[in-house]
Amino acid sequence: MSKPKNRAEELLDELIKDKSPEDLLGNEGLLKQLTKSLIERAMQGEMTHHLGYEKNSSLGNNTGNSRNGKSSKKLKGDFGTIDLEIPRDRNGSFEPSDHTKRSDTFYRLR
């Protein structure tokens, strides 16, 4: 009897179906795209936590700090360079936890 697949395995099967190694691991492959999306999504969550309110929430009115666009940054990792959009806040106090403002590398999963 085989073990039933969990949701993550089902999604992964769907994503890699009919893909070549280049489609998955190439310079603009799925792995790189997913890594970029995951890092950017995590930083948006960190910004929400940092500010204490969701994007576009009226709770942010007159707080003295708010989202202030994004800046571009190139990060080097295990599978090449990834161009990221780093969220900014008006006070300049937001610093994502996966890297520092002056770093150009991100950590490997161990």
PDB file of N, CA and C in Angstrom:
ATOM      1  N   MET A   1       0.849  -1.176   0.000  1.00  0.00           N
ATOM      2  CA  MET A   1       0.000   0.000   0.000  1.00  0.00           C
ATOM      3  C   MET A   1       0.897   1.243   0.000  1.00  0.00           C
ATOM      4  N   SER A   2       0.678   2.137  -0.955  1.00  0.00           N
ATOM      5  CA  SER A   2       1.497   3.349  -1.025  1.00  0.00           C
ATOM      6  C   SER A   2       0.927   4.444  -0.133  1.00  0.00           C
ATOM      7  N   LYS A   3       1.830   5.262   0.341  1.00  0.00           N
ATOM      8  CA  LYS A   3       1.460   6.369   1.224  1.00  0.00           C
ATOM      9  C   LYS A   3       0.757   7.456   0.398  1.00  0.00           C
ATOM     10  N   PRO A   4      -0.351   7.992   0.878  1.00  0.00           N
ATOM     11  CA  PRO A   4      -1.027   9.054   0.123  1.00  0.00           C
ATOM     12  C   PRO A   4      -0.161  10.314   0.076  1.00  0.00           C
ATOM     13  N   LYS A   5      -0.254  11.036  -1.040  1.00  0.00           N
ATOM     14  CA  LYS A   5       0.533  12.257  -1.206  1.00  0.00           C
ATOM     15  C   LYS A   5      -0.089  13.395  -0.410  1.00  0.00           C
ATOM     16  N   ASN A   6       0.776  14.236   0.138  1.00  0.00           N
ATOM     17  CA  ASN A   6       0.271  15.427   0.809  1.00  0.00           C
ATOM     18  C   ASN A   6       0.065  16.524  -0.234  1.00  0.00           C
ATOM     19  N   ARG A   7      -0.530  17.616   0.165  1.00  0.00           N
ATOM     20  CA  ARG A   7      -0.871  18.697  -0.770  1.00  0.00           C
ATOM     21  C   ARG A   7       0.375  19.275  -1.446  1.00  0.00           C
ATOM     22  N   ALA A   8       1.465  19.428  -0.708  1.00  0.00           N
ATOM     23  CA  ALA A   8       2.698  19.975  -1.286  1.00  0.00           C
ATOM     24  C   ALA A   8       3.220  19.069  -2.400  1.00  0.00           C
ATOM     25  N   GLU A   9       3.187  17.762  -2.186  1.00  0.00           N
ATOM     26  CA  GLU A   9       3.649  16.825  -3.207  1.00  0.00           C
ATOM     27  C   GLU A   9       2.756  16.868  -4.438  1.00  0.00           C
ATOM     28  N   GLU A  10       1.451  17.003  -4.227  1.00  0.00           N
ATOM     29  CA  GLU A  10       0.518  17.103  -5.350  1.00  0.00           C
ATOM     30  C   GLU A  10       0.782  18.362  -6.171  1.00  0.00           C
ATOM     31  N   LEU A  11       1.003  19.480  -5.493  1.00  0.00           N
ATOM     32  CA  LEU A  11       1.295  20.732  -6.193  1.00  0.00           C
ATOM     33  C   LEU A  11       2.612  20.635  -6.954  1.00  0.00           C
ATOM     34  N   LEU A  12       3.609  20.032  -6.329  1.00  0.00           N
ATOM     35  CA  LEU A  12       4.902  19.864  -6.977  1.00  0.00           C
ATOM     36  C   LEU A  12       4.775  18.998  -8.227  1.00  0.00           C
ATOM     37  N   ASP A  13       4.039  17.898  -8.128  1.00  0.00           N
ATOM     38  CA  ASP A  13       3.813  17.042  -9.295  1.00  0.00           C
ATOM     39  C   ASP A  13       3.183  17.837 -10.434  1.00  0.00           C
ATOM     40  N   GLU A  14       2.228  18.679 -10.102  1.00  0.00           N
ATOM     41  CA  GLU A  14       1.547  19.494 -11.102  1.00  0.00           C
ATOM     42  C   GLU A  14       2.512  20.512 -11.733  1.00  0.00           C
ATOM     43  N   LEU A  15       3.361  21.119 -10.907  1.00  0.00           N
ATOM     44  CA  LEU A  15       4.301  22.127 -11.401  1.00  0.00           C
ATOM     45  C   LEU A  15       5.365  21.547 -12.332  1.00  0.00           C
ATOM     46  N   ILE A  16       5.858  20.361 -12.027  1.00  0.00           N
ATOM     47  CA  ILE A  16       6.977  19.820 -12.807  1.00  0.00           C
ATOM     48  C   ILE A  16       6.539  18.903 -13.953  1.00  0.00           C
ATOM     49  N   LYS A  17       5.268  18.668 -14.071  1.00  0.00           N
ATOM     50  CA  LYS A  17       4.752  17.801 -15.131  1.00  0.00           C
ATOM     51  C   LYS A  17       5.177  18.346 -16.497  1.00  0.00           C
ATOM     52  N   ASP A  18       5.758  17.483 -17.306  1.00  0.00           N
ATOM     53  CA  ASP A  18       6.176  17.806 -18.676  1.00  0.00           C
ATOM     54  C   ASP A  18       7.239  18.902 -18.759  1.00  0.00           C
ATOM     55  N   LYS A  19       8.028  19.086 -17.723  1.00  0.00           N
ATOM     56  CA  LYS A  19       9.085  20.099 -17.720  1.00  0.00           C
ATOM     57  C   LYS A  19      10.443  19.439 -17.947  1.00  0.00           C
ATOM     58  N   SER A  20      11.307  20.143 -18.652  1.00  0.00           N
ATOM     59  CA  SER A  20      12.673  19.661 -18.880  1.00  0.00           C
ATOM     60  C   SER A  20      13.557  20.110 -17.715  1.00  0.00           C
ATOM     61  N   PRO A  21      14.746  19.518 -17.591  1.00  0.00           N
ATOM     62  CA  PRO A  21      15.670  19.996 -16.549  1.00  0.00           C
ATOM     63  C   PRO A  21      15.956  21.494 -16.679  1.00  0.00           C
ATOM     64  N   GLU A  22      16.073  21.989 -17.914  1.00  0.00           N
ATOM     65  CA  GLU A  22      16.310  23.424 -18.129  1.00  0.00           C
ATOM     66  C   GLU A  22      15.119  24.247 -17.636  1.00  0.00           C
ATOM     67  N   ASP A  23      13.896  23.764 -17.875  1.00  0.00           N
ATOM     68  CA  ASP A  23      12.696  24.459 -17.390  1.00  0.00           C
ATOM     69  C   ASP A  23      12.692  24.560 -15.867  1.00  0.00           C
ATOM     70  N   LEU A  24      13.220  23.548 -15.218  1.00  0.00           N
ATOM     71  CA  LEU A  24      13.203  23.507 -13.757  1.00  0.00           C
ATOM     72  C   LEU A  24      14.401  24.200 -13.128  1.00  0.00           C
ATOM     73  N   LEU A  25      15.595  23.963 -13.677  1.00  0.00           N
ATOM     74  CA  LEU A  25      16.825  24.401 -13.020  1.00  0.00           C
ATOM     75  C   LEU A  25      17.621  25.432 -13.803  1.00  0.00           C
ATOM     76  N   GLY A  26      17.147  25.813 -14.972  1.00  0.00           N
ATOM     77  CA  GLY A  26      17.863  26.761 -15.822  1.00  0.00           C
ATOM     78  C   GLY A  26      17.911  28.162 -15.237  1.00  0.00           C
ATOM     79  N   ASN A  27      18.555  29.061 -15.980  1.00  0.00           N
ATOM     80  CA  ASN A  27      18.763  30.429 -15.522  1.00  0.00           C
ATOM     81  C   ASN A  27      17.463  31.128 -15.130  1.00  0.00           C
ATOM     82  N   GLU A  28      16.405  30.888 -15.849  1.00  0.00           N
ATOM     83  CA  GLU A  28      15.089  31.450 -15.504  1.00  0.00           C
ATOM     84  C   GLU A  28      14.109  30.325 -15.179  1.00  0.00           C
ATOM     85  N   GLY A  29      14.629  29.249 -14.629  1.00  0.00           N
ATOM     86  CA  GLY A  29      13.829  28.073 -14.346  1.00  0.00           C
ATOM     87  C   GLY A  29      12.867  28.235 -13.183  1.00  0.00           C
ATOM     88  N   LEU A  30      12.044  27.235 -13.036  1.00  0.00           N
ATOM     89  CA  LEU A  30      11.001  27.239 -12.014  1.00  0.00           C
ATOM     90  C   LEU A  30      11.569  27.381 -10.606  1.00  0.00           C
ATOM     91  N   LEU A  31      12.676  26.726 -10.323  1.00  0.00           N
ATOM     92  CA  LEU A  31      13.266  26.807  -8.984  1.00  0.00           C
ATOM     93  C   LEU A  31      13.643  28.246  -8.636  1.00  0.00           C
ATOM     94  N   LYS A  32      14.246  28.939  -9.574  1.00  0.00           N
ATOM     95  CA  LYS A  32      14.640  30.330  -9.354  1.00  0.00           C
ATOM     96  C   LYS A  32      13.404  31.225  -9.201  1.00  0.00           C
ATOM     97  N   GLN A  33      12.392  31.011 -10.025  1.00  0.00           N
ATOM     98  CA  GLN A  33      11.164  31.806  -9.950  1.00  0.00           C
ATOM     99  C   GLN A  33      10.450  31.607  -8.615  1.00  0.00           C
ATOM    100  N   LEU A  34      10.374  30.354  -8.176  1.00  0.00           N
ATOM    101  CA  LEU A  34       9.720  30.069  -6.897  1.00  0.00           C
ATOM    102  C   LEU A  34      10.505  30.652  -5.727  1.00  0.00           C
ATOM    103  N   THR A  35      11.833  30.586  -5.805  1.00  0.00           N
ATOM    104  CA  THR A  35      12.663  31.160  -4.742  1.00  0.00           C
ATOM    105  C   THR A  35      12.435  32.659  -4.641  1.00  0.00           C
ATOM    106  N   LYS A  36      12.431  33.341  -5.775  1.00  0.00           N
ATOM    107  CA  LYS A  36      12.180  34.789  -5.809  1.00  0.00           C
ATOM    108  C   LYS A  36      10.814  35.105  -5.203  1.00  0.00           C
ATOM    109  N   SER A  37       9.795  34.393  -5.636  1.00  0.00           N
ATOM    110  CA  SER A  37       8.438  34.635  -5.131  1.00  0.00           C
ATOM    111  C   SER A  37       8.336  34.382  -3.636  1.00  0.00           C
ATOM    112  N   LEU A  38       8.957  33.317  -3.173  1.00  0.00           N
ATOM    113  CA  LEU A  38       8.910  32.982  -1.751  1.00  0.00           C
ATOM    114  C   LEU A  38       9.605  34.047  -0.905  1.00  0.00           C
ATOM    115  N   ILE A  39      10.781  34.492  -1.332  1.00  0.00           N
ATOM    116  CA  ILE A  39      11.515  35.512  -0.576  1.00  0.00           C
ATOM    117  C   ILE A  39      10.732  36.819  -0.552  1.00  0.00           C
ATOM    118  N   GLU A  40      10.207  37.238  -1.706  1.00  0.00           N
ATOM    119  CA  GLU A  40       9.456  38.497  -1.758  1.00  0.00           C
ATOM    120  C   GLU A  40       8.178  38.419  -0.929  1.00  0.00           C
ATOM    121  N   ARG A  41       7.500  37.299  -0.973  1.00  0.00           N
ATOM    122  CA  ARG A  41       6.277  37.128  -0.174  1.00  0.00           C
ATOM    123  C   ARG A  41       6.608  37.165   1.310  1.00  0.00           C
ATOM    124  N   ALA A  42       7.705  36.523   1.697  1.00  0.00           N
ATOM    125  CA  ALA A  42       8.118  36.534   3.106  1.00  0.00           C
ATOM    126  C   ALA A  42       8.446  37.954   3.561  1.00  0.00           C
ATOM    127  N   MET A  43       9.111  38.731   2.702  1.00  0.00           N
ATOM    128  CA  MET A  43       9.444  40.109   3.068  1.00  0.00           C
ATOM    129  C   MET A  43       8.188  40.969   3.207  1.00  0.00           C
ATOM    130  N   GLN A  44       7.180  40.722   2.384  1.00  0.00           N
ATOM    131  CA  GLN A  44       5.918  41.453   2.532  1.00  0.00           C
ATOM    132  C   GLN A  44       5.282  41.131   3.885  1.00  0.00           C
ATOM    133  N   GLY A  45       5.337  39.860   4.278  1.00  0.00           N
ATOM    134  CA  GLY A  45       4.828  39.473   5.591  1.00  0.00           C
ATOM    135  C   GLY A  45       5.616  40.112   6.720  1.00  0.00           C
ATOM    136  N   GLU A  46       6.932  40.181   6.558  1.00  0.00           N
ATOM    137  CA  GLU A  46       7.764  40.841   7.569  1.00  0.00           C
ATOM    138  C   GLU A  46       7.430  42.323   7.668  1.00  0.00           C
ATOM    139  N   MET A  47       7.159  42.956   6.521  1.00  0.00           N
ATOM    140  CA  MET A  47       6.799  44.377   6.532  1.00  0.00           C
ATOM    141  C   MET A  47       5.478  44.576   7.269  1.00  0.00           C
ATOM    142  N   THR A  48       4.514  43.711   7.020  1.00  0.00           N
ATOM    143  CA  THR A  48       3.230  43.795   7.717  1.00  0.00           C
ATOM    144  C   THR A  48       3.444  43.669   9.220  1.00  0.00           C
ATOM    145  N   HIS A  49       4.267  42.722   9.628  1.00  0.00           N
ATOM    146  CA  HIS A  49       4.557  42.540  11.052  1.00  0.00           C
ATOM    147  C   HIS A  49       5.290  43.759  11.614  1.00  0.00           C
ATOM    148  N   HIS A  50       6.247  44.269  10.870  1.00  0.00           N
ATOM    149  CA  HIS A  50       7.039  45.433  11.288  1.00  0.00           C
ATOM    150  C   HIS A  50       6.143  46.654  11.514  1.00  0.00           C
ATOM    151  N   LEU A  51       5.210  46.889  10.584  1.00  0.00           N
ATOM    152  CA  LEU A  51       4.344  48.066  10.683  1.00  0.00           C
ATOM    153  C   LEU A  51       3.159  47.844  11.623  1.00  0.00           C
ATOM    154  N   GLY A  52       2.742  46.586  11.757  1.00  0.00           N
ATOM    155  CA  GLY A  52       1.629  46.278  12.653  1.00  0.00           C
ATOM    156  C   GLY A  52       0.257  46.357  12.009  1.00  0.00           C
ATOM    157  N   TYR A  53       0.215  46.430  10.677  1.00  0.00           N
ATOM    158  CA  TYR A  53      -1.076  46.447   9.982  1.00  0.00           C
ATOM    159  C   TYR A  53      -0.897  45.946   8.550  1.00  0.00           C
ATOM    160  N   GLU A  54      -1.996  45.438   7.977  1.00  0.00           N
ATOM    161  CA  GLU A  54      -1.986  44.915   6.615  1.00  0.00           C
ATOM    162  C   GLU A  54      -1.880  46.051   5.602  1.00  0.00           C
ATOM    163  N   LYS A  55      -1.398  45.727   4.418  1.00  0.00           N
ATOM    164  CA  LYS A  55      -1.307  46.703   3.337  1.00  0.00           C
ATOM    165  C   LYS A  55      -2.696  47.276   3.048  1.00  0.00           C
ATOM    166  N   ASN A  56      -2.775  48.568   2.841  1.00  0.00           N
ATOM    167  CA  ASN A  56      -4.009  49.309   2.540  1.00  0.00           C
ATOM    168  C   ASN A  56      -4.997  49.363   3.696  1.00  0.00           C
ATOM    169  N   SER A  57      -4.605  48.964   4.881  1.00  0.00           N
ATOM    170  CA  SER A  57      -5.493  49.021   6.038  1.00  0.00           C
ATOM    171  C   SER A  57      -5.564  50.447   6.575  1.00  0.00           C
ATOM    172  N   SER A  58      -6.751  50.838   7.013  1.00  0.00           N
ATOM    173  CA  SER A  58      -6.910  52.171   7.609  1.00  0.00           C
ATOM    174  C   SER A  58      -6.201  52.258   8.963  1.00  0.00           C
ATOM    175  N   LEU A  59      -5.822  51.128   9.531  1.00  0.00           N
ATOM    176  CA  LEU A  59      -5.083  51.137  10.797  1.00  0.00           C
ATOM    177  C   LEU A  59      -3.731  51.830  10.657  1.00  0.00           C
ATOM    178  N   GLY A  60      -3.243  51.940   9.427  1.00  0.00           N
ATOM    179  CA  GLY A  60      -1.958  52.580   9.200  1.00  0.00           C
ATOM    180  C   GLY A  60      -2.019  54.093   9.096  1.00  0.00           C
ATOM    181  N   ASN A  61      -3.225  54.649   9.032  1.00  0.00           N
ATOM    182  CA  ASN A  61      -3.360  56.102   8.917  1.00  0.00           C
ATOM    183  C   ASN A  61      -2.802  56.804  10.146  1.00  0.00           C
ATOM    184  N   ASN A  62      -1.992  57.818   9.903  1.00  0.00           N
ATOM    185  CA  ASN A  62      -1.418  58.659  10.963  1.00  0.00           C
ATOM    186  C   ASN A  62      -0.564  57.887  11.975  1.00  0.00           C
ATOM    187  N   THR A  63       0.092  56.826  11.525  1.00  0.00           N
ATOM    188  CA  THR A  63       0.954  56.061  12.437  1.00  0.00           C
ATOM    189  C   THR A  63       2.381  56.594  12.451  1.00  0.00           C
ATOM    190  N   GLY A  64       2.721  57.416  11.480  1.00  0.00           N
ATOM    191  CA  GLY A  64       4.080  57.941  11.407  1.00  0.00           C
ATOM    192  C   GLY A  64       5.014  57.086  10.577  1.00  0.00           C
ATOM    193  N   ASN A  65       4.597  55.895  10.218  1.00  0.00           N
ATOM    194  CA  ASN A  65       5.401  55.036   9.361  1.00  0.00           C
ATOM    195  C   ASN A  65       4.459  54.233   8.477  1.00  0.00           C
ATOM    196  N   SER A  66       4.822  54.068   7.225  1.00  0.00           N
ATOM    197  CA  SER A  66       3.986  53.312   6.293  1.00  0.00           C
ATOM    198  C   SER A  66       4.860  52.746   5.186  1.00  0.00           C
ATOM    199  N   ARG A  67       4.260  51.903   4.363  1.00  0.00           N
ATOM    200  CA  ARG A  67       4.979  51.361   3.217  1.00  0.00           C
ATOM    201  C   ARG A  67       5.367  52.511   2.298  1.00  0.00           C
ATOM    202  N   ASN A  68       6.519  52.374   1.665  1.00  0.00           N
ATOM    203  CA  ASN A  68       7.012  53.444   0.804  1.00  0.00           C
ATOM    204  C   ASN A  68       7.673  52.852  -0.436  1.00  0.00           C
ATOM    205  N   GLY A  69       6.940  52.036  -1.147  1.00  0.00           N
ATOM    206  CA  GLY A  69       7.449  51.459  -2.381  1.00  0.00           C
ATOM    207  C   GLY A  69       8.432  50.331  -2.160  1.00  0.00           C
ATOM    208  N   LYS A  70       9.229  50.097  -3.190  1.00  0.00           N
ATOM    209  CA  LYS A  70      10.192  48.998  -3.170  1.00  0.00           C
ATOM    210  C   LYS A  70      11.484  49.462  -3.809  1.00  0.00           C
ATOM    211  N   SER A  71      12.548  48.794  -3.459  1.00  0.00           N
ATOM    212  CA  SER A  71      13.828  49.026  -4.119  1.00  0.00           C
ATOM    213  C   SER A  71      14.317  47.698  -4.687  1.00  0.00           C
ATOM    214  N   SER A  72      15.121  47.780  -5.725  1.00  0.00           N
ATOM    215  CA  SER A  72      15.640  46.568  -6.368  1.00  0.00           C
ATOM    216  C   SER A  72      16.960  46.167  -5.736  1.00  0.00           C
ATOM    217  N   LYS A  73      17.177  44.870  -5.694  1.00  0.00           N
ATOM    218  CA  LYS A  73      18.428  44.351  -5.159  1.00  0.00           C
ATOM    219  C   LYS A  73      18.724  43.016  -5.827  1.00  0.00           C
ATOM    220  N   LYS A  74      19.983  42.795  -6.138  1.00  0.00           N
ATOM    221  CA  LYS A  74      20.423  41.511  -6.683  1.00  0.00           C
ATOM    222  C   LYS A  74      21.029  40.705  -5.548  1.00  0.00           C
ATOM    223  N   LEU A  75      20.524  39.502  -5.373  1.00  0.00           N
ATOM    224  CA  LEU A  75      21.074  38.603  -4.362  1.00  0.00           C
ATOM    225  C   LEU A  75      21.670  37.382  -5.040  1.00  0.00           C
ATOM    226  N   LYS A  76      22.829  36.975  -4.549  1.00  0.00           N
ATOM    227  CA  LYS A  76      23.492  35.789  -5.072  1.00  0.00           C
ATOM    228  C   LYS A  76      23.167  34.624  -4.156  1.00  0.00           C
ATOM    229  N   GLY A  77      22.823  33.505  -4.760  1.00  0.00           N
ATOM    230  CA  GLY A  77      22.495  32.328  -3.973  1.00  0.00           C
ATOM    231  C   GLY A  77      22.999  31.067  -4.630  1.00  0.00           C
ATOM    232  N   ASP A  78      22.507  29.953  -4.164  1.00  0.00           N
ATOM    233  CA  ASP A  78      22.958  28.657  -4.655  1.00  0.00           C
ATOM    234  C   ASP A  78      22.684  28.437  -6.137  1.00  0.00           C
ATOM    235  N   PHE A  79      21.671  29.099  -6.682  1.00  0.00           N
ATOM    236  CA  PHE A  79      21.365  28.891  -8.097  1.00  0.00           C
ATOM    237  C   PHE A  79      21.417  30.198  -8.869  1.00  0.00           C
ATOM    238  N   GLY A  80      22.424  30.993  -8.611  1.00  0.00           N
ATOM    239  CA  GLY A  80      22.643  32.204  -9.382  1.00  0.00           C
ATOM    240  C   GLY A  80      22.137  33.454  -8.701  1.00  0.00           C
ATOM    241  N   THR A  81      22.011  34.504  -9.497  1.00  0.00           N
ATOM    242  CA  THR A  81      21.583  35.805  -9.007  1.00  0.00           C
ATOM    243  C   THR A  81      20.079  35.959  -9.185  1.00  0.00           C
ATOM    244  N   ILE A  82      19.438  36.505  -8.167  1.00  0.00           N
ATOM    245  CA  ILE A  82      17.996  36.745  -8.209  1.00  0.00           C
ATOM    246  C   ILE A  82      17.760  38.239  -8.021  1.00  0.00           C
ATOM    247  N   ASP A  83      16.987  38.831  -8.934  1.00  0.00           N
ATOM    248  CA  ASP A  83      16.603  40.236  -8.817  1.00  0.00           C
ATOM    249  C   ASP A  83      15.352  40.319  -7.950  1.00  0.00           C
ATOM    250  N   LEU A  84      15.484  40.964  -6.796  1.00  0.00           N
ATOM    251  CA  LEU A  84      14.375  41.067  -5.844  1.00  0.00           C
ATOM    252  C   LEU A  84      13.865  42.492  -5.738  1.00  0.00           C
ATOM    253  N   GLU A  85      12.602  42.614  -5.356  1.00  0.00           N
ATOM    254  CA  GLU A  85      11.999  43.893  -5.010  1.00  0.00           C
ATOM    255  C   GLU A  85      11.875  43.909  -3.490  1.00  0.00           C
ATOM    256  N   ILE A  86      12.651  44.765  -2.832  1.00  0.00           N
ATOM    257  CA  ILE A  86      12.691  44.841  -1.375  1.00  0.00           C
ATOM    258  C   ILE A  86      11.734  45.940  -0.910  1.00  0.00           C
ATOM    259  N   PRO A  87      10.746  45.621  -0.068  1.00  0.00           N
ATOM    260  CA  PRO A  87       9.828  46.667   0.402  1.00  0.00           C
ATOM    261  C   PRO A  87      10.546  47.678   1.293  1.00  0.00           C
ATOM    262  N   ARG A  88      10.073  48.924   1.233  1.00  0.00           N
ATOM    263  CA  ARG A  88      10.640  49.993   2.062  1.00  0.00           C
ATOM    264  C   ARG A  88       9.542  50.592   2.924  1.00  0.00           C
ATOM    265  N   ASP A  89       9.962  51.161   4.049  1.00  0.00           N
ATOM    266  CA  ASP A  89       9.034  51.940   4.869  1.00  0.00           C
ATOM    267  C   ASP A  89       9.537  53.377   4.925  1.00  0.00           C
ATOM    268  N   ARG A  90       8.656  54.292   5.242  1.00  0.00           N
ATOM    269  CA  ARG A  90       9.000  55.721   5.225  1.00  0.00           C
ATOM    270  C   ARG A  90      10.134  56.066   6.183  1.00  0.00           C
ATOM    271  N   ASN A  91      10.187  55.412   7.319  1.00  0.00           N
ATOM    272  CA  ASN A  91      11.225  55.716   8.311  1.00  0.00           C
ATOM    273  C   ASN A  91      12.565  55.052   7.999  1.00  0.00           C
ATOM    274  N   GLY A  92      12.588  54.141   7.038  1.00  0.00           N
ATOM    275  CA  GLY A  92      13.826  53.438   6.705  1.00  0.00           C
ATOM    276  C   GLY A  92      14.272  52.460   7.774  1.00  0.00           C
ATOM    277  N   SER A  93      13.340  52.035   8.618  1.00  0.00           N
ATOM    278  CA  SER A  93      13.695  51.149   9.728  1.00  0.00           C
ATOM    279  C   SER A  93      13.470  49.673   9.420  1.00  0.00           C
ATOM    280  N   PHE A  94      12.847  49.364   8.283  1.00  0.00           N
ATOM    281  CA  PHE A  94      12.568  47.971   7.948  1.00  0.00           C
ATOM    282  C   PHE A  94      13.809  47.310   7.370  1.00  0.00           C
ATOM    283  N   GLU A  95      14.173  46.161   7.936  1.00  0.00           N
ATOM    284  CA  GLU A  95      15.276  45.360   7.431  1.00  0.00           C
ATOM    285  C   GLU A  95      14.844  43.901   7.439  1.00  0.00           C
ATOM    286  N   PRO A  96      14.661  43.302   6.258  1.00  0.00           N
ATOM    287  CA  PRO A  96      14.231  41.903   6.196  1.00  0.00           C
ATOM    288  C   PRO A  96      15.207  40.984   6.917  1.00  0.00           C
ATOM    289  N   SER A  97      14.698  39.930   7.502  1.00  0.00           N
ATOM    290  CA  SER A  97      15.553  39.051   8.300  1.00  0.00           C
ATOM    291  C   SER A  97      16.384  38.085   7.472  1.00  0.00           C
ATOM    292  N   ASP A  98      16.045  37.858   6.198  1.00  0.00           N
ATOM    293  CA  ASP A  98      16.815  36.881   5.424  1.00  0.00           C
ATOM    294  C   ASP A  98      18.134  37.433   4.905  1.00  0.00           C
ATOM    295  N   HIS A  99      18.328  38.732   5.005  1.00  0.00           N
ATOM    296  CA  HIS A  99      19.607  39.332   4.641  1.00  0.00           C
ATOM    297  C   HIS A  99      19.678  40.728   5.249  1.00  0.00           C
ATOM    298  N   THR A 100      20.858  41.297   5.257  1.00  0.00           N
ATOM    299  CA  THR A 100      20.993  42.658   5.775  1.00  0.00           C
ATOM    300  C   THR A 100      21.015  43.644   4.621  1.00  0.00           C
ATOM    301  N   LYS A 101      20.873  44.912   4.932  1.00  0.00           N
ATOM    302  CA  LYS A 101      20.832  45.937   3.892  1.00  0.00           C
ATOM    303  C   LYS A 101      22.111  45.965   3.064  1.00  0.00           C
ATOM    304  N   ARG A 102      23.241  45.640   3.648  1.00  0.00           N
ATOM    305  CA  ARG A 102      24.499  45.729   2.935  1.00  0.00           C
ATOM    306  C   ARG A 102      24.961  44.390   2.355  1.00  0.00           C
ATOM    307  N   SER A 103      24.195  43.363   2.509  1.00  0.00           N
ATOM    308  CA  SER A 103      24.586  42.034   2.047  1.00  0.00           C
ATOM    309  C   SER A 103      24.092  41.789   0.628  1.00  0.00           C
ATOM    310  N   ASP A 104      24.846  40.993  -0.129  1.00  0.00           N
ATOM    311  CA  ASP A 104      24.376  40.626  -1.458  1.00  0.00           C
ATOM    312  C   ASP A 104      24.230  39.109  -1.595  1.00  0.00           C
ATOM    313  N   THR A 105      24.191  38.423  -0.468  1.00  0.00           N
ATOM    314  CA  THR A 105      23.975  36.981  -0.491  1.00  0.00           C
ATOM    315  C   THR A 105      22.844  36.622   0.450  1.00  0.00           C
ATOM    316  N   PHE A 106      22.216  35.500   0.187  1.00  0.00           N
ATOM    317  CA  PHE A 106      21.225  35.009   1.120  1.00  0.00           C
ATOM    318  C   PHE A 106      21.609  33.609   1.554  1.00  0.00           C
ATOM    319  N   TYR A 107      21.032  33.198   2.643  1.00  0.00           N
ATOM    320  CA  TYR A 107      21.445  31.955   3.274  1.00  0.00           C
ATOM    321  C   TYR A 107      20.891  30.736   2.560  1.00  0.00           C
ATOM    322  N   ARG A 108      21.663  29.677   2.613  1.00  0.00           N
ATOM    323  CA  ARG A 108      21.228  28.391   2.083  1.00  0.00           C
ATOM    324  C   ARG A 108      20.332  27.696   3.090  1.00  0.00           C
ATOM    325  N   LEU A 109      19.428  26.897   2.570  1.00  0.00           N
ATOM    326  CA  LEU A 109      18.657  26.025   3.454  1.00  0.00           C
ATOM    327  C   LEU A 109      19.562  24.882   3.852  1.00  0.00           C
ATOM    328  N   ARG A 110      19.590  24.554   5.120  1.00  0.00           N
ATOM    329  CA  ARG A 110      20.468  23.473   5.585  1.00  0.00           C
ATOM    330  C   ARG A 110      19.652  22.325   6.099  1.00  0.00           C
TER     331      ARG A 110
END
